[in-house]
Amino acid sequence: MNPLHVASSDRDDLDSHTLKTPSVKVRDPLLPQLVCLESLSLTQREHLAKRIEQYAKRGSVFLSALLQSEADTEEVIRHFRFTLEQARPGSRRRWWLRCYDPRVFRHLCWLLETTSMDRLLGPITCWRWPNQYGQWHALERHEASDLSTRAPLLSASQWSCIDRMTSLNAVIDRLAMLKPEAVASFDGYRDLDGLLVKAQQLGLADAEGRQLYAEQAARFHPHIHDHPEMRRRLDQTVETQGSYVRRCEDLSAQSLLAMARELETIT
């Protein structure tokens, strides 16, 4: 549970444990909390179910994840103690990995290799997380890993993807309204991240411009930026170090669809 998203009055009666790391310098009430559901009485569970439903109706998440494990609570806490902070190639300090955030975990599912994901899960046999519609997804651990392993969990390129997640989630939120099928799978997330990388390689300097580039390609045509009109706007943006969003302000969905149809006739 993320206490930043849940009112204290809605969680004071829960058996919760703060997930701390060796070097964290944040007050306990601001850190993620592990709630032991088995210790709750039937009445508490009924009240919890109602709170989860109330938060979902408001478009909010009460529980960031549901974790299944045969390990005791202390073992799970110890695992997170060394998982929430990670070493990063090229950096001396430890970096916080917000794997408990469902908007981060959904990307770790396609970003991490199976062995790395098993290390992330540790004693957890199944991790469930909610999407933006309140539906729950599940990922089962492949096999138990050596919990004494403290090697870096992510590579430099994977950390770069972590850095892009704010932009990636912004594009996903937009497409969830405009073209839901484009963000219905891990493959869709991976493709969008690739578009953000391509936008950066082309020279789009600001995050909003890269997000728009990815949205256009995913929504209208994967090669929409090969159209002469779009190529001209991209070139002008890069040459002047201007705003790609402003360059595209006059473009309507209809005009972009027309460009997509032109590309279809060419190919």
C-alpha atoms as a PDB file:
ATOM      1  CA  MET A   1       0.000   0.000   0.000  1.00  0.00           C
ATOM      2  CA  ASN A   2       1.253   3.473  -0.889  1.00  0.00           C
ATOM      3  CA  PRO A   3       0.403   5.806   2.042  1.00  0.00           C
ATOM      4  CA  LEU A   4       0.739   8.811  -0.257  1.00  0.00           C
ATOM      5  CA  HIS A   5      -2.406   7.628  -2.056  1.00  0.00           C
ATOM      6  CA  VAL A   6      -4.434   6.411   0.935  1.00  0.00           C
ATOM      7  CA  ALA A   7      -5.896   8.592   3.687  1.00  0.00           C
ATOM      8  CA  SER A   8      -4.465   7.769   7.115  1.00  0.00           C
ATOM      9  CA  SER A   9      -7.983   7.332   8.515  1.00  0.00           C
ATOM     10  CA  ASP A  10      -8.572   4.545   5.988  1.00  0.00           C
ATOM     11  CA  ARG A  11      -5.514   2.523   7.022  1.00  0.00           C
ATOM     12  CA  ASP A  12      -4.956   3.161  10.731  1.00  0.00           C
ATOM     13  CA  ASP A  13      -6.729  -0.063  11.720  1.00  0.00           C
ATOM     14  CA  LEU A  14      -4.672  -2.278   9.377  1.00  0.00           C
ATOM     15  CA  ASP A  15      -1.746  -4.461  10.438  1.00  0.00           C
ATOM     16  CA  SER A  16       0.857  -2.679   8.316  1.00  0.00           C
ATOM     17  CA  HIS A  17       4.661  -2.751   8.263  1.00  0.00           C
ATOM     18  CA  THR A  18       6.860  -0.004   6.834  1.00  0.00           C
ATOM     19  CA  LEU A  19       9.171  -1.138   4.036  1.00  0.00           C
ATOM     20  CA  LYS A  20      12.500   0.548   4.796  1.00  0.00           C
ATOM     21  CA  THR A  21      15.913   0.220   3.211  1.00  0.00           C
ATOM     22  CA  PRO A  22      19.349   0.622   4.851  1.00  0.00           C
ATOM     23  CA  SER A  23      20.031   4.147   3.610  1.00  0.00           C
ATOM     24  CA  VAL A  24      16.564   5.643   3.172  1.00  0.00           C
ATOM     25  CA  LYS A  25      16.111   9.046   4.810  1.00  0.00           C
ATOM     26  CA  VAL A  26      12.354   9.405   4.575  1.00  0.00           C
ATOM     27  CA  ARG A  27       9.829   9.393   7.412  1.00  0.00           C
ATOM     28  CA  ASP A  28       8.018   6.069   7.880  1.00  0.00           C
ATOM     29  CA  PRO A  29       4.525   7.451   7.093  1.00  0.00           C
ATOM     30  CA  LEU A  30       5.731   8.298   3.568  1.00  0.00           C
ATOM     31  CA  LEU A  31       7.151   4.854   2.779  1.00  0.00           C
ATOM     32  CA  PRO A  32       5.250   1.913   1.254  1.00  0.00           C
ATOM     33  CA  GLN A  33       3.434  -0.297   3.732  1.00  0.00           C
ATOM     34  CA  LEU A  34       3.077  -4.072   3.719  1.00  0.00           C
ATOM     35  CA  VAL A  35      -0.334  -5.135   5.040  1.00  0.00           C
ATOM     36  CA  CYS A  36      -0.689  -8.678   6.368  1.00  0.00           C
ATOM     37  CA  LEU A  37      -4.166  -9.699   5.211  1.00  0.00           C
ATOM     38  CA  GLU A  38      -4.098 -13.012   7.082  1.00  0.00           C
ATOM     39  CA  SER A  39      -3.997 -11.179  10.403  1.00  0.00           C
ATOM     40  CA  LEU A  40      -7.205  -9.250   9.675  1.00  0.00           C
ATOM     41  CA  SER A  41     -10.483 -10.323  11.226  1.00  0.00           C
ATOM     42  CA  LEU A  42     -13.500 -11.074   9.067  1.00  0.00           C
ATOM     43  CA  THR A  43     -14.982  -7.676   9.943  1.00  0.00           C
ATOM     44  CA  GLN A  44     -11.745  -5.906   9.016  1.00  0.00           C
ATOM     45  CA  ARG A  45     -11.636  -7.739   5.695  1.00  0.00           C
ATOM     46  CA  GLU A  46     -15.206  -6.699   4.922  1.00  0.00           C
ATOM     47  CA  HIS A  47     -14.371  -3.076   5.722  1.00  0.00           C
ATOM     48  CA  LEU A  48     -11.219  -3.321   3.602  1.00  0.00           C
ATOM     49  CA  ALA A  49     -13.187  -4.658   0.630  1.00  0.00           C
ATOM     50  CA  LYS A  50     -15.558  -1.685   0.883  1.00  0.00           C
ATOM     51  CA  ARG A  51     -12.662   0.786   0.979  1.00  0.00           C
ATOM     52  CA  ILE A  52     -11.060  -0.819  -2.062  1.00  0.00           C
ATOM     53  CA  GLU A  53     -14.365  -0.484  -3.920  1.00  0.00           C
ATOM     54  CA  GLN A  54     -14.823   3.145  -2.835  1.00  0.00           C
ATOM     55  CA  TYR A  55     -11.340   4.093  -4.009  1.00  0.00           C
ATOM     56  CA  ALA A  56     -11.868   2.272  -7.312  1.00  0.00           C
ATOM     57  CA  LYS A  57     -15.060   4.249  -7.956  1.00  0.00           C
ATOM     58  CA  ARG A  58     -13.010   7.443  -7.564  1.00  0.00           C
ATOM     59  CA  GLY A  59     -10.412   6.129  -9.995  1.00  0.00           C
ATOM     60  CA  SER A  60      -7.884   5.595  -7.209  1.00  0.00           C
ATOM     61  CA  VAL A  61      -5.994   2.560  -5.962  1.00  0.00           C
ATOM     62  CA  PHE A  62      -6.198   1.492  -2.318  1.00  0.00           C
ATOM     63  CA  LEU A  63      -3.873  -1.506  -2.557  1.00  0.00           C
ATOM     64  CA  SER A  64      -1.006  -1.096  -5.007  1.00  0.00           C
ATOM     65  CA  ALA A  65      -0.458  -4.856  -5.186  1.00  0.00           C
ATOM     66  CA  LEU A  66      -1.595  -8.172  -3.745  1.00  0.00           C
ATOM     67  CA  LEU A  67       1.299 -10.465  -2.900  1.00  0.00           C
ATOM     68  CA  GLN A  68       1.014 -14.212  -2.437  1.00  0.00           C
ATOM     69  CA  SER A  69       3.763 -15.985  -0.524  1.00  0.00           C
ATOM     70  CA  GLU A  70       4.422 -19.015   1.636  1.00  0.00           C
ATOM     71  CA  ALA A  71       7.068 -17.042   3.533  1.00  0.00           C
ATOM     72  CA  ASP A  72       6.336 -15.261   6.791  1.00  0.00           C
ATOM     73  CA  THR A  73       5.909 -11.502   6.975  1.00  0.00           C
ATOM     74  CA  GLU A  74       9.419 -10.844   8.285  1.00  0.00           C
ATOM     75  CA  GLU A  75      11.020 -12.690   5.370  1.00  0.00           C
ATOM     76  CA  VAL A  76       9.036 -10.639   2.853  1.00  0.00           C
ATOM     77  CA  ILE A  77      10.014  -7.432   4.662  1.00  0.00           C
ATOM     78  CA  ARG A  78      13.695  -8.446   4.594  1.00  0.00           C
ATOM     79  CA  HIS A  79      13.433  -9.111   0.870  1.00  0.00           C
ATOM     80  CA  PHE A  80      12.068  -5.636   0.153  1.00  0.00           C
ATOM     81  CA  ARG A  81      14.718  -4.112   2.403  1.00  0.00           C
ATOM     82  CA  PHE A  82      17.325  -5.063  -0.205  1.00  0.00           C
ATOM     83  CA  THR A  83      15.105  -4.801  -3.284  1.00  0.00           C
ATOM     84  CA  LEU A  84      13.622  -1.310  -3.095  1.00  0.00           C
ATOM     85  CA  GLU A  85      17.103   0.226  -3.335  1.00  0.00           C
ATOM     86  CA  GLN A  86      19.262  -0.826  -6.265  1.00  0.00           C
ATOM     87  CA  ALA A  87      22.742  -0.156  -7.577  1.00  0.00           C
ATOM     88  CA  ARG A  88      22.849   1.607 -10.929  1.00  0.00           C
ATOM     89  CA  PRO A  89      25.726   1.250 -13.405  1.00  0.00           C
ATOM     90  CA  GLY A  90      27.812   4.420 -13.449  1.00  0.00           C
ATOM     91  CA  SER A  91      26.401   5.769 -10.184  1.00  0.00           C
ATOM     92  CA  ARG A  92      27.790   5.560  -6.656  1.00  0.00           C
ATOM     93  CA  ARG A  93      24.508   6.107  -4.886  1.00  0.00           C
ATOM     94  CA  ARG A  94      21.602   3.718  -4.437  1.00  0.00           C
ATOM     95  CA  TRP A  95      18.455   4.247  -6.486  1.00  0.00           C
ATOM     96  CA  TRP A  96      14.877   3.715  -5.296  1.00  0.00           C
ATOM     97  CA  LEU A  97      12.962   1.169  -7.385  1.00  0.00           C
ATOM     98  CA  ARG A  98       9.225   1.791  -7.077  1.00  0.00           C
ATOM     99  CA  CYS A  99       8.252  -1.760  -8.008  1.00  0.00           C
ATOM    100  CA  TYR A 100       5.232  -1.548  -5.662  1.00  0.00           C
ATOM    101  CA  ASP A 101       3.704   1.108  -7.945  1.00  0.00           C
ATOM    102  CA  PRO A 102       1.433  -0.698 -10.455  1.00  0.00           C
ATOM    103  CA  ARG A 103       2.348   1.869 -13.126  1.00  0.00           C
ATOM    104  CA  VAL A 104       5.979   0.816 -12.708  1.00  0.00           C
ATOM    105  CA  PHE A 105       5.508  -2.905 -12.132  1.00  0.00           C
ATOM    106  CA  ARG A 106       3.533  -3.362 -15.368  1.00  0.00           C
ATOM    107  CA  HIS A 107       6.638  -2.246 -17.258  1.00  0.00           C
ATOM    108  CA  LEU A 108       9.042  -4.340 -15.221  1.00  0.00           C
ATOM    109  CA  CYS A 109       7.031  -7.338 -16.460  1.00  0.00           C
ATOM    110  CA  TRP A 110       8.289  -6.822 -20.028  1.00  0.00           C
ATOM    111  CA  LEU A 111      11.536  -5.066 -19.184  1.00  0.00           C
ATOM    112  CA  LEU A 112      13.113  -7.699 -16.926  1.00  0.00           C
ATOM    113  CA  GLU A 113      14.337 -11.106 -18.019  1.00  0.00           C
ATOM    114  CA  THR A 114      12.715 -14.101 -16.299  1.00  0.00           C
ATOM    115  CA  THR A 115      15.652 -14.662 -13.944  1.00  0.00           C
ATOM    116  CA  SER A 116      15.734 -10.988 -12.947  1.00  0.00           C
ATOM    117  CA  MET A 117      11.989 -10.963 -12.337  1.00  0.00           C
ATOM    118  CA  ASP A 118      12.317 -14.066 -10.159  1.00  0.00           C
ATOM    119  CA  ARG A 119      14.957 -12.209  -8.135  1.00  0.00           C
ATOM    120  CA  LEU A 120      12.659  -9.207  -7.829  1.00  0.00           C
ATOM    121  CA  LEU A 121       9.801 -11.411  -6.604  1.00  0.00           C
ATOM    122  CA  GLY A 122      12.019 -13.339  -4.193  1.00  0.00           C
ATOM    123  CA  PRO A 123       9.734 -15.163  -1.717  1.00  0.00           C
ATOM    124  CA  ILE A 124       6.622 -13.881  -3.500  1.00  0.00           C
ATOM    125  CA  THR A 125       5.038 -16.622  -5.619  1.00  0.00           C
ATOM    126  CA  CYS A 126       2.431 -14.421  -7.317  1.00  0.00           C
ATOM    127  CA  TRP A 127       2.197 -10.635  -7.733  1.00  0.00           C
ATOM    128  CA  ARG A 128      -1.143  -9.065  -8.629  1.00  0.00           C
ATOM    129  CA  TRP A 129      -1.584  -5.424  -9.606  1.00  0.00           C
ATOM    130  CA  PRO A 130      -4.513  -3.244 -10.768  1.00  0.00           C
ATOM    131  CA  ASN A 131      -4.735  -1.384 -14.059  1.00  0.00           C
ATOM    132  CA  GLN A 132      -6.317   2.024 -14.648  1.00  0.00           C
ATOM    133  CA  TYR A 133      -9.748   0.402 -15.012  1.00  0.00           C
ATOM    134  CA  GLY A 134      -9.623  -1.400 -11.659  1.00  0.00           C
ATOM    135  CA  GLN A 135      -9.004  -4.784 -13.271  1.00  0.00           C
ATOM    136  CA  TRP A 136      -6.337  -6.972 -11.696  1.00  0.00           C
ATOM    137  CA  HIS A 137      -3.487  -8.744 -13.485  1.00  0.00           C
ATOM    138  CA  ALA A 138      -1.227 -11.481 -12.135  1.00  0.00           C
ATOM    139  CA  LEU A 139       2.358 -12.588 -12.661  1.00  0.00           C
ATOM    140  CA  GLU A 140       3.562 -15.865 -11.176  1.00  0.00           C
ATOM    141  CA  ARG A 141       7.157 -16.468 -10.197  1.00  0.00           C
ATOM    142  CA  HIS A 142       8.935 -18.864 -12.555  1.00  0.00           C
ATOM    143  CA  GLU A 143      11.169 -20.457  -9.948  1.00  0.00           C
ATOM    144  CA  ALA A 144      12.646 -19.632  -6.557  1.00  0.00           C
ATOM    145  CA  SER A 145      15.884 -17.656  -6.746  1.00  0.00           C
ATOM    146  CA  ASP A 146      18.881 -17.424  -4.448  1.00  0.00           C
ATOM    147  CA  LEU A 147      17.822 -14.641  -2.093  1.00  0.00           C
ATOM    148  CA  SER A 148      21.425 -14.061  -1.020  1.00  0.00           C
ATOM    149  CA  THR A 149      22.261 -12.684  -4.493  1.00  0.00           C
ATOM    150  CA  ARG A 150      22.808  -8.919  -4.289  1.00  0.00           C
ATOM    151  CA  ALA A 151      23.985  -8.266  -7.844  1.00  0.00           C
ATOM    152  CA  PRO A 152      22.423  -5.279  -9.665  1.00  0.00           C
ATOM    153  CA  LEU A 153      18.921  -6.108 -10.847  1.00  0.00           C
ATOM    154  CA  LEU A 154      18.823  -3.770 -13.853  1.00  0.00           C
ATOM    155  CA  SER A 155      21.292  -2.958 -16.614  1.00  0.00           C
ATOM    156  CA  ALA A 156      22.155   0.565 -17.755  1.00  0.00           C
ATOM    157  CA  SER A 157      19.717   0.337 -20.691  1.00  0.00           C
ATOM    158  CA  GLN A 158      16.945  -0.891 -18.389  1.00  0.00           C
ATOM    159  CA  TRP A 159      17.542   2.036 -16.058  1.00  0.00           C
ATOM    160  CA  SER A 160      17.201   4.328 -19.076  1.00  0.00           C
ATOM    161  CA  CYS A 161      13.775   2.814 -19.632  1.00  0.00           C
ATOM    162  CA  ILE A 162      12.920   3.468 -15.977  1.00  0.00           C
ATOM    163  CA  ASP A 163      13.852   7.114 -16.608  1.00  0.00           C
ATOM    164  CA  ARG A 164      11.358   7.217 -19.508  1.00  0.00           C
ATOM    165  CA  MET A 165       8.453   5.708 -17.573  1.00  0.00           C
ATOM    166  CA  THR A 166       6.839   9.026 -16.703  1.00  0.00           C
ATOM    167  CA  SER A 167       6.650   9.871 -20.411  1.00  0.00           C
ATOM    168  CA  LEU A 168       5.656   6.320 -21.312  1.00  0.00           C
ATOM    169  CA  ASN A 169       2.779   6.342 -18.823  1.00  0.00           C
ATOM    170  CA  ALA A 170       1.636   9.729 -20.104  1.00  0.00           C
ATOM    171  CA  VAL A 171       1.387   8.321 -23.645  1.00  0.00           C
ATOM    172  CA  ILE A 172      -0.401   5.208 -22.376  1.00  0.00           C
ATOM    173  CA  ASP A 173      -2.955   7.351 -20.523  1.00  0.00           C
ATOM    174  CA  ARG A 174      -3.680   9.312 -23.706  1.00  0.00           C
ATOM    175  CA  LEU A 175      -3.952   6.244 -25.910  1.00  0.00           C
ATOM    176  CA  ALA A 176      -6.158   4.471 -23.364  1.00  0.00           C
ATOM    177  CA  MET A 177      -8.784   7.069 -24.303  1.00  0.00           C
ATOM    178  CA  LEU A 178      -7.974   7.500 -28.000  1.00  0.00           C
ATOM    179  CA  LYS A 179      -6.881   4.014 -29.126  1.00  0.00           C
ATOM    180  CA  PRO A 180      -7.153   1.443 -26.309  1.00  0.00           C
ATOM    181  CA  GLU A 181      -5.993  -1.481 -28.457  1.00  0.00           C
ATOM    182  CA  ALA A 182      -2.561   0.159 -28.753  1.00  0.00           C
ATOM    183  CA  VAL A 183      -1.960  -0.196 -25.010  1.00  0.00           C
ATOM    184  CA  ALA A 184      -3.570  -3.574 -24.355  1.00  0.00           C
ATOM    185  CA  SER A 185      -0.404  -5.648 -24.001  1.00  0.00           C
ATOM    186  CA  PHE A 186       3.204  -5.654 -22.846  1.00  0.00           C
ATOM    187  CA  ASP A 187       4.226  -5.661 -26.514  1.00  0.00           C
ATOM    188  CA  GLY A 188       2.302  -2.421 -26.964  1.00  0.00           C
ATOM    189  CA  TYR A 189       4.161  -0.861 -24.024  1.00  0.00           C
ATOM    190  CA  ARG A 190       7.491  -2.010 -25.455  1.00  0.00           C
ATOM    191  CA  ASP A 191       6.655  -0.553 -28.874  1.00  0.00           C
ATOM    192  CA  LEU A 192       5.734   2.795 -27.340  1.00  0.00           C
ATOM    193  CA  ASP A 193       8.984   2.902 -25.403  1.00  0.00           C
ATOM    194  CA  GLY A 194      10.833   2.227 -28.656  1.00  0.00           C
ATOM    195  CA  LEU A 195       9.040   5.187 -30.235  1.00  0.00           C
ATOM    196  CA  LEU A 196      10.127   7.440 -27.370  1.00  0.00           C
ATOM    197  CA  VAL A 197      13.713   6.317 -27.916  1.00  0.00           C
ATOM    198  CA  LYS A 198      13.431   6.988 -31.651  1.00  0.00           C
ATOM    199  CA  ALA A 199      12.009  10.461 -31.017  1.00  0.00           C
ATOM    200  CA  GLN A 200      14.981  11.263 -28.808  1.00  0.00           C
ATOM    201  CA  GLN A 201      17.423   9.922 -31.392  1.00  0.00           C
ATOM    202  CA  LEU A 202      15.801  12.158 -34.019  1.00  0.00           C
ATOM    203  CA  GLY A 203      16.595  15.165 -31.856  1.00  0.00           C
ATOM    204  CA  LEU A 204      13.298  16.029 -30.148  1.00  0.00           C
ATOM    205  CA  ALA A 205      14.583  17.690 -27.007  1.00  0.00           C
ATOM    206  CA  ASP A 206      11.519  18.011 -24.778  1.00  0.00           C
ATOM    207  CA  ALA A 207       9.501  15.203 -23.210  1.00  0.00           C
ATOM    208  CA  GLU A 208       6.155  16.522 -24.471  1.00  0.00           C
ATOM    209  CA  GLY A 209       7.387  16.455 -28.058  1.00  0.00           C
ATOM    210  CA  ARG A 210       8.636  12.888 -27.739  1.00  0.00           C
ATOM    211  CA  GLN A 211       5.335  11.845 -26.210  1.00  0.00           C
ATOM    212  CA  LEU A 212       3.399  13.395 -29.097  1.00  0.00           C
ATOM    213  CA  TYR A 213       5.685  11.669 -31.612  1.00  0.00           C
ATOM    214  CA  ALA A 214       4.996   8.279 -30.001  1.00  0.00           C
ATOM    215  CA  GLU A 215       1.260   8.942 -29.780  1.00  0.00           C
ATOM    216  CA  GLN A 216       1.033   9.898 -33.462  1.00  0.00           C
ATOM    217  CA  ALA A 217       2.840   6.760 -34.629  1.00  0.00           C
ATOM    218  CA  ALA A 218       0.811   4.446 -32.384  1.00  0.00           C
ATOM    219  CA  ARG A 219      -2.523   6.086 -33.121  1.00  0.00           C
ATOM    220  CA  PHE A 220      -2.404   6.813 -36.833  1.00  0.00           C
ATOM    221  CA  HIS A 221       0.328   4.874 -38.640  1.00  0.00           C
ATOM    222  CA  PRO A 222       3.668   3.349 -37.564  1.00  0.00           C
ATOM    223  CA  HIS A 223       5.387   5.279 -40.391  1.00  0.00           C
ATOM    224  CA  ILE A 224       3.351   8.486 -40.128  1.00  0.00           C
ATOM    225  CA  HIS A 225       6.564  10.487 -39.711  1.00  0.00           C
ATOM    226  CA  ASP A 226       7.800   9.334 -43.116  1.00  0.00           C
ATOM    227  CA  HIS A 227       5.076  11.470 -44.692  1.00  0.00           C
ATOM    228  CA  PRO A 228       6.696  14.572 -46.265  1.00  0.00           C
ATOM    229  CA  GLU A 229       4.519  16.928 -44.232  1.00  0.00           C
ATOM    230  CA  MET A 230       5.451  15.283 -40.943  1.00  0.00           C
ATOM    231  CA  ARG A 231       9.102  15.021 -41.929  1.00  0.00           C
ATOM    232  CA  ARG A 232       9.122  18.758 -42.642  1.00  0.00           C
ATOM    233  CA  ARG A 233       7.732  19.537 -39.192  1.00  0.00           C
ATOM    234  CA  LEU A 234      10.256  17.255 -37.532  1.00  0.00           C
ATOM    235  CA  ASP A 235      13.162  18.795 -39.435  1.00  0.00           C
ATOM    236  CA  GLN A 236      12.059  22.325 -38.556  1.00  0.00           C
ATOM    237  CA  THR A 237      11.703  21.409 -34.882  1.00  0.00           C
ATOM    238  CA  VAL A 238      15.173  19.888 -34.703  1.00  0.00           C
ATOM    239  CA  GLU A 239      16.830  22.701 -36.679  1.00  0.00           C
ATOM    240  CA  THR A 240      15.353  25.439 -34.502  1.00  0.00           C
ATOM    241  CA  GLN A 241      15.362  23.442 -31.237  1.00  0.00           C
ATOM    242  CA  GLY A 242      11.746  24.472 -30.991  1.00  0.00           C
ATOM    243  CA  SER A 243       8.614  22.768 -29.726  1.00  0.00           C
ATOM    244  CA  TYR A 244       7.325  19.819 -31.740  1.00  0.00           C
ATOM    245  CA  VAL A 245       3.978  20.163 -29.966  1.00  0.00           C
ATOM    246  CA  ARG A 246       3.630  23.721 -31.275  1.00  0.00           C
ATOM    247  CA  ARG A 247       4.690  22.617 -34.756  1.00  0.00           C
ATOM    248  CA  CYS A 248       1.759  20.206 -34.756  1.00  0.00           C
ATOM    249  CA  GLU A 249      -0.862  22.459 -33.155  1.00  0.00           C
ATOM    250  CA  ASP A 250      -2.695  22.954 -36.447  1.00  0.00           C
ATOM    251  CA  LEU A 251      -2.921  19.227 -37.217  1.00  0.00           C
ATOM    252  CA  SER A 252      -6.299  17.590 -36.684  1.00  0.00           C
ATOM    253  CA  ALA A 253      -6.999  13.885 -36.317  1.00  0.00           C
ATOM    254  CA  GLN A 254      -8.638  14.011 -39.745  1.00  0.00           C
ATOM    255  CA  SER A 255      -5.528  15.430 -41.399  1.00  0.00           C
ATOM    256  CA  LEU A 256      -3.309  12.805 -39.772  1.00  0.00           C
ATOM    257  CA  LEU A 257      -5.693  10.050 -40.859  1.00  0.00           C
ATOM    258  CA  ALA A 258      -5.526  11.426 -44.392  1.00  0.00           C
ATOM    259  CA  MET A 259      -1.720  11.260 -44.283  1.00  0.00           C
ATOM    260  CA  ALA A 260      -1.945   7.683 -43.019  1.00  0.00           C
ATOM    261  CA  ARG A 261      -4.195   6.769 -45.962  1.00  0.00           C
ATOM    262  CA  GLU A 262      -1.705   8.342 -48.368  1.00  0.00           C
ATOM    263  CA  LEU A 263       1.064   6.221 -46.876  1.00  0.00           C
ATOM    264  CA  GLU A 264      -1.071   3.107 -47.315  1.00  0.00           C
ATOM    265  CA  THR A 265      -1.520   3.818 -51.027  1.00  0.00           C
ATOM    266  CA  ILE A 266       2.233   4.333 -51.448  1.00  0.00           C
ATOM    267  CA  THR A 267       3.155   1.086 -49.699  1.00  0.00           C
END
